[in-house]
N, C-alpha and C. Protein backbone atom coordinates (compact mmCIF):
# COMPACT_ATOMS: atom_id res chain seq x y z
N MET A 1 -8.82 -4.57 -8.24
CA MET A 1 -9.03 -5.96 -7.99
C MET A 1 -9.99 -5.67 -6.51
N LYS A 2 -11.03 -6.70 -6.61
CA LYS A 2 -11.85 -6.42 -5.24
C LYS A 2 -11.65 -7.75 -4.15
N ASP A 3 -12.08 -6.94 -3.04
CA ASP A 3 -12.24 -7.76 -1.86
C ASP A 3 -13.08 -9.03 -1.96
N GLY A 4 -12.40 -10.23 -1.98
CA GLY A 4 -12.88 -11.82 -2.06
C GLY A 4 -12.46 -12.24 -3.44
N GLU A 5 -11.95 -11.49 -4.23
CA GLU A 5 -11.68 -12.32 -5.43
C GLU A 5 -10.03 -12.45 -5.55
N THR A 6 -9.64 -13.86 -6.31
CA THR A 6 -8.60 -14.21 -6.41
C THR A 6 -7.40 -13.40 -7.05
N CYS A 7 -6.16 -12.93 -6.46
CA CYS A 7 -5.52 -11.93 -7.54
C CYS A 7 -4.68 -12.80 -8.14
N LYS A 8 -4.55 -12.53 -9.62
CA LYS A 8 -3.97 -13.35 -10.67
C LYS A 8 -2.89 -12.69 -11.33
N PHE A 9 -2.37 -11.30 -11.01
CA PHE A 9 -1.66 -10.34 -11.40
C PHE A 9 -0.48 -9.98 -10.63
N ILE A 10 0.30 -9.22 -10.94
CA ILE A 10 1.08 -8.25 -10.36
C ILE A 10 1.07 -7.06 -11.16
N GLY A 11 1.22 -5.96 -10.81
CA GLY A 11 1.10 -4.59 -11.77
C GLY A 11 2.35 -4.22 -11.01
N PHE A 12 2.95 -3.51 -12.26
CA PHE A 12 3.93 -2.17 -11.75
C PHE A 12 3.20 -0.75 -12.02
N LEU A 13 3.16 0.02 -11.33
CA LEU A 13 2.42 1.25 -11.60
C LEU A 13 3.70 2.17 -12.14
N THR A 14 3.07 2.58 -13.43
CA THR A 14 4.09 3.30 -14.23
C THR A 14 3.68 4.88 -14.05
N LYS A 15 2.19 5.47 -13.55
CA LYS A 15 1.33 6.52 -13.79
C LYS A 15 0.02 6.43 -12.31
N GLY A 16 0.10 7.42 -11.58
CA GLY A 16 -1.06 6.86 -10.58
C GLY A 16 -0.85 6.89 -9.25
N CYS A 17 -1.89 6.34 -8.76
CA CYS A 17 -2.01 6.17 -7.42
C CYS A 17 -2.96 4.90 -7.00
N ILE A 18 -2.89 3.89 -6.16
CA ILE A 18 -3.59 2.91 -6.20
C ILE A 18 -3.46 2.74 -4.26
N ARG A 19 -4.78 3.09 -3.75
CA ARG A 19 -5.19 2.60 -2.37
C ARG A 19 -5.30 0.88 -2.33
N HIS A 20 -4.66 0.65 -1.08
CA HIS A 20 -5.03 -0.96 -0.69
C HIS A 20 -5.85 -0.96 0.53
N PHE A 21 -7.04 -1.40 0.20
CA PHE A 21 -8.04 -1.55 1.49
C PHE A 21 -8.69 -2.61 1.68
N HIS A 22 -9.28 -2.77 3.18
CA HIS A 22 -10.19 -4.01 3.23
C HIS A 22 -11.20 -3.77 3.71
N ILE A 23 -12.24 -4.46 4.08
CA ILE A 23 -13.76 -4.06 5.01
C ILE A 23 -13.76 -4.91 6.34
N VAL A 24 -14.02 -3.81 7.05
CA VAL A 24 -14.30 -4.73 8.17
C VAL A 24 -15.57 -3.94 8.86
N ASP A 25 -16.63 -4.81 9.07
CA ASP A 25 -17.93 -4.53 9.63
C ASP A 25 -18.39 -3.49 8.88
N GLY A 26 -18.19 -3.73 7.13
CA GLY A 26 -18.92 -2.81 6.25
C GLY A 26 -18.14 -1.61 6.50
N ASN A 27 -16.94 -0.91 6.83
CA ASN A 27 -16.22 -0.19 6.72
C ASN A 27 -15.16 -0.30 5.64
N GLU A 28 -14.89 0.81 5.22
CA GLU A 28 -13.50 -0.11 4.19
C GLU A 28 -12.15 0.73 5.26
N ILE A 29 -11.48 0.10 5.24
CA ILE A 29 -10.44 0.46 6.02
C ILE A 29 -8.80 0.69 4.82
N THR A 30 -8.44 1.86 4.60
CA THR A 30 -7.17 1.76 3.84
C THR A 30 -5.73 1.21 4.68
N CYS A 31 -4.99 0.47 3.63
CA CYS A 31 -4.12 -0.05 4.76
C CYS A 31 -2.84 0.66 3.99
N ASP A 32 -2.84 0.86 2.76
CA ASP A 32 -1.38 1.47 2.10
C ASP A 32 -1.96 2.28 0.57
N ILE A 33 -1.12 2.95 0.17
CA ILE A 33 -1.02 3.91 -0.78
C ILE A 33 -0.01 3.63 -1.86
N SER A 34 -0.08 3.09 -2.75
CA SER A 34 0.90 2.95 -3.64
C SER A 34 1.02 4.10 -4.93
N PHE A 35 2.39 4.50 -5.17
CA PHE A 35 2.54 5.34 -5.98
C PHE A 35 3.68 5.06 -7.10
N GLU A 36 3.56 5.79 -8.27
CA GLU A 36 4.55 5.25 -9.36
C GLU A 36 5.58 4.79 -8.98
N GLY A 37 6.01 3.44 -9.82
CA GLY A 37 7.61 3.20 -9.43
C GLY A 37 7.41 2.20 -8.63
N THR A 38 6.17 0.79 -8.17
CA THR A 38 6.19 0.15 -7.22
C THR A 38 5.49 -0.94 -7.71
N PHE A 39 5.17 -1.76 -7.09
CA PHE A 39 4.63 -2.98 -7.55
C PHE A 39 3.65 -3.39 -6.84
N VAL A 40 2.59 -3.48 -7.31
CA VAL A 40 1.24 -3.57 -7.03
C VAL A 40 0.29 -4.91 -7.11
N THR A 41 0.22 -5.51 -5.99
CA THR A 41 -0.49 -6.96 -5.89
C THR A 41 -1.13 -7.21 -4.64
N GLU A 42 -1.94 -8.48 -4.49
CA GLU A 42 -2.52 -8.54 -3.32
C GLU A 42 -1.59 -10.10 -3.26
N PHE A 43 -0.19 -9.80 -2.20
CA PHE A 43 0.65 -11.22 -2.33
C PHE A 43 0.06 -12.30 -1.89
N THR A 44 -0.68 -12.21 -0.87
CA THR A 44 -1.04 -13.42 -0.44
C THR A 44 -2.21 -13.86 -1.43
N SER A 45 -2.82 -13.40 -1.97
CA SER A 45 -3.77 -14.23 -2.81
C SER A 45 -3.06 -14.45 -4.14
N PHE A 46 -1.74 -13.62 -4.39
CA PHE A 46 -1.38 -14.48 -5.45
C PHE A 46 -0.44 -15.31 -5.79
N SER A 47 0.33 -15.44 -4.39
CA SER A 47 0.88 -16.42 -3.91
C SER A 47 0.31 -17.45 -3.89
N THR A 48 -0.74 -17.81 -2.91
CA THR A 48 -1.05 -19.35 -2.51
C THR A 48 -2.45 -19.26 -3.25
N GLY A 49 -3.17 -18.57 -4.32
CA GLY A 49 -4.19 -18.76 -4.60
C GLY A 49 -5.59 -18.44 -4.10
N SER A 50 -5.16 -18.37 -2.72
CA SER A 50 -6.49 -17.96 -2.02
C SER A 50 -7.06 -16.94 -2.41
N LYS A 51 -8.68 -16.38 -1.61
CA LYS A 51 -9.32 -15.42 -1.83
C LYS A 51 -8.53 -14.13 -1.18
N GLY A 52 -8.79 -13.10 -2.07
CA GLY A 52 -7.75 -11.95 -1.49
C GLY A 52 -8.50 -11.27 -0.47
N THR A 53 -7.96 -10.68 0.74
CA THR A 53 -8.61 -9.93 1.73
C THR A 53 -8.40 -8.26 1.57
N THR A 54 -7.77 -8.11 0.50
CA THR A 54 -7.49 -7.04 0.34
C THR A 54 -7.74 -6.19 -1.01
N ALA A 55 -8.44 -5.26 -1.05
CA ALA A 55 -8.78 -4.62 -2.63
C ALA A 55 -7.84 -3.47 -3.08
N LEU A 56 -8.05 -3.37 -4.21
CA LEU A 56 -7.29 -2.26 -4.93
C LEU A 56 -8.28 -1.38 -5.79
N GLN A 57 -7.89 0.05 -5.45
CA GLN A 57 -9.07 0.96 -6.15
C GLN A 57 -7.46 1.79 -6.64
N ALA A 58 -7.86 2.19 -8.05
CA ALA A 58 -7.11 3.50 -8.41
C ALA A 58 -7.87 4.49 -8.18
N LEU A 59 -7.26 5.75 -7.41
CA LEU A 59 -7.49 6.83 -6.72
C LEU A 59 -7.01 8.21 -7.74
N GLU A 60 -6.59 7.91 -8.73
CA GLU A 60 -6.23 8.97 -10.09
C GLU A 60 -6.14 8.17 -11.42
N ASN A 61 -6.28 8.83 -12.27
CA ASN A 61 -6.01 7.91 -13.85
C ASN A 61 -4.85 7.39 -13.39
N SER A 62 -4.83 5.91 -13.35
CA SER A 62 -3.17 5.49 -13.51
C SER A 62 -2.75 4.29 -14.36
N GLU A 63 -2.01 4.03 -14.63
CA GLU A 63 -1.62 3.18 -15.43
C GLU A 63 -0.35 2.26 -15.09
N LEU A 64 -0.44 0.60 -15.34
CA LEU A 64 -0.05 -0.20 -14.90
C LEU A 64 0.45 -1.66 -16.07
N LEU A 65 1.84 -2.09 -15.38
CA LEU A 65 2.41 -2.93 -16.45
C LEU A 65 1.98 -4.34 -15.72
N LEU A 66 0.88 -5.02 -15.94
CA LEU A 66 0.88 -6.36 -15.55
C LEU A 66 1.12 -7.35 -16.04
N ILE A 67 1.46 -8.33 -15.35
CA ILE A 67 1.79 -9.69 -15.66
C ILE A 67 0.90 -10.80 -15.06
N ASP A 68 0.21 -11.56 -15.62
CA ASP A 68 -0.13 -12.90 -14.73
C ASP A 68 0.58 -13.75 -14.12
N LYS A 69 -0.10 -14.52 -13.29
CA LYS A 69 1.02 -15.59 -12.46
C LYS A 69 1.92 -16.69 -13.92
N GLU A 70 0.56 -16.97 -14.57
CA GLU A 70 0.74 -17.99 -15.03
C GLU A 70 2.15 -17.75 -16.46
N LYS A 71 2.46 -16.06 -16.73
CA LYS A 71 3.64 -15.73 -17.64
C LYS A 71 4.97 -15.48 -16.75
N LEU A 72 4.17 -14.95 -15.44
CA LEU A 72 5.49 -14.98 -14.47
C LEU A 72 6.05 -16.35 -14.04
N THR A 73 5.23 -16.97 -13.87
CA THR A 73 5.65 -18.38 -13.70
C THR A 73 7.11 -19.12 -14.86
N GLU A 74 6.61 -18.51 -16.14
CA GLU A 74 7.21 -19.14 -16.96
C GLU A 74 8.28 -18.34 -17.48
N LEU A 75 8.34 -16.68 -16.97
CA LEU A 75 9.60 -15.89 -16.98
C LEU A 75 10.53 -16.60 -16.36
N TYR A 76 10.32 -17.04 -14.61
CA TYR A 76 11.15 -17.73 -13.72
C TYR A 76 11.79 -18.47 -14.14
N GLN A 77 11.25 -19.61 -15.06
CA GLN A 77 11.79 -20.73 -15.29
C GLN A 77 12.66 -20.61 -16.77
N LEU A 78 12.21 -19.31 -17.58
CA LEU A 78 13.37 -19.12 -18.61
C LEU A 78 14.98 -18.46 -18.00
N ASN A 79 14.84 -17.69 -16.92
CA ASN A 79 15.96 -16.88 -16.42
C ASN A 79 15.93 -16.71 -15.14
N PRO A 80 17.25 -17.06 -14.15
CA PRO A 80 17.10 -16.80 -13.08
C PRO A 80 16.86 -15.59 -12.78
N LYS A 81 17.19 -14.44 -13.07
CA LYS A 81 17.36 -12.97 -13.03
C LYS A 81 15.80 -12.92 -12.63
N PHE A 82 14.74 -13.41 -13.37
CA PHE A 82 13.28 -13.15 -12.95
C PHE A 82 13.02 -13.68 -11.69
N GLU A 83 13.54 -14.55 -11.61
CA GLU A 83 13.38 -15.49 -10.10
C GLU A 83 13.47 -14.29 -9.02
N GLN A 84 14.73 -13.68 -9.27
CA GLN A 84 15.49 -12.59 -8.65
C GLN A 84 14.80 -11.41 -8.42
N LEU A 85 14.13 -11.22 -9.39
CA LEU A 85 13.40 -10.08 -9.64
C LEU A 85 11.80 -10.06 -8.82
N GLY A 86 11.14 -11.44 -8.68
CA GLY A 86 9.96 -11.76 -8.21
C GLY A 86 10.75 -11.93 -6.53
N ARG A 87 11.92 -12.24 -6.27
CA ARG A 87 12.02 -12.28 -4.71
C ARG A 87 12.29 -11.05 -4.09
N ARG A 88 12.48 -10.34 -5.11
CA ARG A 88 12.70 -8.66 -5.04
C ARG A 88 11.55 -7.97 -4.32
N MET A 89 10.71 -8.30 -5.20
CA MET A 89 9.33 -7.89 -5.15
C MET A 89 8.41 -8.19 -3.74
N ALA A 90 8.66 -9.33 -3.43
CA ALA A 90 8.21 -10.26 -2.55
C ALA A 90 8.77 -9.44 -1.14
N GLU A 91 10.04 -9.42 -1.27
CA GLU A 91 10.84 -9.07 -0.11
C GLU A 91 10.53 -7.56 0.24
N ARG A 92 10.27 -6.77 -0.70
CA ARG A 92 9.69 -5.08 -0.70
C ARG A 92 8.36 -5.56 0.08
N ALA A 93 7.70 -6.16 -0.41
CA ALA A 93 6.31 -6.19 0.51
C ALA A 93 6.26 -6.45 1.77
N ALA A 94 7.23 -7.53 2.03
CA ALA A 94 7.02 -7.78 3.21
C ALA A 94 7.68 -6.90 4.28
N ILE A 95 8.81 -6.23 3.80
CA ILE A 95 9.39 -5.11 4.51
C ILE A 95 8.53 -4.20 4.60
N ARG A 96 7.85 -3.81 3.64
CA ARG A 96 6.69 -2.24 3.99
C ARG A 96 5.78 -2.81 4.97
N ASN A 97 5.07 -4.05 4.47
CA ASN A 97 4.20 -4.98 5.59
C ASN A 97 4.42 -4.57 7.13
N SER A 98 5.88 -5.14 7.16
CA SER A 98 6.39 -5.53 8.70
C SER A 98 6.58 -3.86 9.17
N GLU A 99 6.99 -2.68 8.09
CA GLU A 99 7.16 -1.59 8.62
C GLU A 99 5.74 -0.96 9.19
N ILE A 100 4.65 -1.47 8.35
CA ILE A 100 3.31 -0.66 8.65
C ILE A 100 2.80 -1.44 10.03
N VAL A 101 3.09 -2.50 10.46
CA VAL A 101 2.56 -3.38 11.28
C VAL A 101 3.41 -2.71 12.65
N MET A 102 4.41 -2.55 12.70
CA MET A 102 5.55 -2.13 13.34
C MET A 102 5.21 -0.77 14.17
N SER A 103 4.98 -0.07 12.80
CA SER A 103 4.42 1.54 13.28
C SER A 103 3.32 1.57 13.96
N LEU A 104 2.22 1.10 13.64
CA LEU A 104 0.79 0.82 14.26
C LEU A 104 0.69 0.37 15.48
N ALA A 105 1.69 -0.63 16.04
CA ALA A 105 1.84 -1.04 17.35
C ALA A 105 2.43 -0.65 18.17
N SER A 106 3.70 0.15 17.52
CA SER A 106 4.66 0.81 18.67
C SER A 106 4.93 2.34 18.77
N ASP A 107 4.31 2.98 17.45
CA ASP A 107 4.62 4.45 17.34
C ASP A 107 3.30 5.41 17.93
N LYS A 108 3.12 6.34 18.28
CA LYS A 108 2.13 7.36 18.32
C LYS A 108 1.64 8.23 17.04
N PRO A 109 0.15 8.17 17.54
CA PRO A 109 0.00 8.70 15.86
C PRO A 109 0.93 10.06 15.48
N GLU A 110 1.15 10.86 16.46
CA GLU A 110 1.67 12.05 16.27
C GLU A 110 3.20 11.81 15.40
N LYS A 111 3.58 10.36 15.95
CA LYS A 111 5.07 10.15 15.15
C LYS A 111 4.63 9.46 14.12
N ARG A 112 3.73 8.77 13.70
CA ARG A 112 3.33 8.12 12.46
C ARG A 112 3.12 9.34 11.48
N TYR A 113 2.35 10.38 11.99
CA TYR A 113 2.00 11.41 11.02
C TYR A 113 3.37 12.04 10.82
N ALA A 114 4.40 12.66 11.51
CA ALA A 114 5.75 13.22 11.35
C ALA A 114 6.69 12.12 10.40
N ASN A 115 6.24 10.79 10.38
CA ASN A 115 7.29 10.05 9.60
C ASN A 115 6.60 9.92 8.24
N LEU A 116 5.26 10.15 8.07
CA LEU A 116 4.92 10.07 6.48
C LEU A 116 4.79 11.42 6.04
N ILE A 117 4.95 12.37 6.86
CA ILE A 117 5.42 13.61 6.09
C ILE A 117 6.87 13.59 5.77
N LYS A 118 7.75 12.83 6.32
CA LYS A 118 9.17 12.79 6.34
C LYS A 118 9.37 11.74 4.95
N GLU A 119 8.96 10.68 4.99
CA GLU A 119 9.06 9.64 3.97
C GLU A 119 8.02 9.77 2.81
N ARG A 120 7.21 10.30 3.03
CA ARG A 120 5.80 10.03 1.68
C ARG A 120 5.22 11.30 1.77
N PRO A 121 5.99 12.65 1.58
CA PRO A 121 5.40 13.96 1.57
C PRO A 121 4.25 14.15 0.01
N GLU A 122 4.21 13.42 -0.67
CA GLU A 122 3.28 13.54 -1.93
C GLU A 122 1.68 12.92 -1.58
N ILE A 123 1.69 12.07 -0.43
CA ILE A 123 0.63 11.63 -0.17
C ILE A 123 -0.18 12.59 0.50
N PHE A 124 -0.12 14.12 0.99
CA PHE A 124 -0.77 15.06 1.33
C PHE A 124 -1.51 15.66 0.46
N GLN A 125 -1.01 15.69 -1.13
CA GLN A 125 -1.45 16.38 -2.41
C GLN A 125 -2.15 15.40 -3.00
N ARG A 126 -1.95 14.23 -2.79
CA ARG A 126 -2.66 13.55 -3.89
C ARG A 126 -3.85 12.63 -3.12
N VAL A 127 -4.14 12.16 -1.74
CA VAL A 127 -4.69 11.17 -1.34
C VAL A 127 -5.39 12.36 -0.07
N GLN A 128 -6.95 11.68 -0.34
CA GLN A 128 -7.92 12.07 0.46
C GLN A 128 -7.45 11.96 2.01
N GLN A 129 -7.79 12.74 2.84
CA GLN A 129 -7.57 13.25 4.48
C GLN A 129 -8.05 12.00 4.97
N LYS A 130 -9.05 11.02 4.70
CA LYS A 130 -9.92 9.95 5.39
C LYS A 130 -9.07 8.91 5.31
N TYR A 131 -8.50 9.08 3.94
CA TYR A 131 -7.29 7.34 3.40
C TYR A 131 -6.43 7.52 4.03
N ILE A 132 -5.83 8.99 4.59
CA ILE A 132 -4.58 9.28 5.24
C ILE A 132 -4.81 8.96 6.88
N ALA A 133 -5.83 9.19 7.30
CA ALA A 133 -6.10 9.01 8.58
C ALA A 133 -6.33 7.28 8.65
N ASN A 134 -6.97 6.59 7.75
CA ASN A 134 -7.00 5.35 7.90
C ASN A 134 -5.19 4.22 7.93
N ILE A 135 -4.52 5.36 7.08
CA ILE A 135 -3.39 4.88 7.28
C ILE A 135 -2.26 4.85 8.35
N LEU A 136 -3.02 5.93 9.05
CA LEU A 136 -2.18 6.19 10.48
C LEU A 136 -2.94 5.81 11.69
N GLY A 137 -3.99 4.95 11.36
CA GLY A 137 -4.81 4.03 12.09
C GLY A 137 -5.53 4.81 13.32
N ILE A 138 -6.33 6.10 12.94
CA ILE A 138 -6.88 6.95 13.36
C ILE A 138 -7.83 7.47 12.85
N LYS A 139 -9.15 8.20 13.55
CA LYS A 139 -10.27 8.50 13.11
C LYS A 139 -10.04 9.78 12.13
N PRO A 140 -10.96 9.73 10.96
CA PRO A 140 -10.23 11.14 10.31
C PRO A 140 -10.88 12.41 11.08
N GLU A 141 -11.50 12.57 12.05
CA GLU A 141 -11.75 13.86 12.72
C GLU A 141 -10.32 13.77 14.10
N SER A 142 -9.58 12.72 14.04
CA SER A 142 -8.25 13.10 14.60
C SER A 142 -6.87 14.19 14.02
N LEU A 143 -7.39 13.51 12.73
CA LEU A 143 -5.86 13.84 11.84
C LEU A 143 -5.85 15.56 11.87
N SER A 144 -6.84 16.28 12.08
CA SER A 144 -6.83 17.57 11.99
C SER A 144 -6.16 18.04 13.12
N ARG A 145 -6.15 17.54 14.53
CA ARG A 145 -5.60 17.84 15.96
C ARG A 145 -4.34 17.60 15.73
N ILE A 146 -4.44 16.45 15.12
CA ILE A 146 -2.91 15.55 14.93
C ILE A 146 -1.64 16.53 14.26
N ARG A 147 -2.48 17.00 12.97
CA ARG A 147 -1.62 17.83 12.16
C ARG A 147 -1.15 18.99 12.72
N LYS A 148 -1.80 19.56 13.31
CA LYS A 148 -1.72 20.94 13.94
C LYS A 148 -0.79 20.76 14.90
N ARG A 149 -0.93 19.92 15.98
CA ARG A 149 0.03 19.27 17.07
C ARG A 149 1.53 19.05 16.62
N VAL A 150 1.72 18.05 15.59
CA VAL A 150 2.69 17.92 14.52
C VAL A 150 3.68 19.05 14.08
N LEU A 151 2.74 19.91 13.34
CA LEU A 151 3.39 21.01 12.60
C LEU A 151 3.90 22.56 13.19
N THR A 152 3.40 22.13 14.46
CA THR A 152 3.47 23.28 15.62
C THR A 152 4.92 22.77 15.96
N ASN A 153 5.09 21.29 16.48
CA ASN A 153 6.30 20.63 16.78
C ASN A 153 7.53 21.06 15.98
N LEU A 154 7.11 20.74 14.58
CA LEU A 154 8.20 20.69 13.63
C LEU A 154 8.71 22.49 13.38
N LYS A 155 7.93 23.35 13.75
CA LYS A 155 8.27 24.95 13.37
C LYS A 155 9.09 25.04 14.37
N SER A 156 9.15 24.58 15.69
CA SER A 156 9.77 24.93 16.80
C SER A 156 11.14 24.48 17.18
């Protein structure tokens, strides 16, 4: 999905890796990375029908199970279990967004990096360093210095 398009689907990522990013002053800013077993969409656009502010890009060969909004609405009407699933998807997205915002607002880059190592170690094998730096809210050139400091602290 491209920035500025209306998102009309929710996908469940069964294989691969999806980057979520937006464009600020012509620069792509990665805000999150999704791996297998997660739902992928631009929730604000999907929910409201507005133009999306986040673009999605596969960083690896990826497979998604997609459902469009119209079909999902039909499923919600057919069975309350599907509505519960939809609520859980939205809750997970809200929690993830909240965690990202809180971490960027209150944690130092070294702590964000250490948390990323602990919580999502696969990201370091599968995602380019420039995208990891974006997620951490730092410049790519700062990432190697922080990595060295954090790894030194973890060893001691």
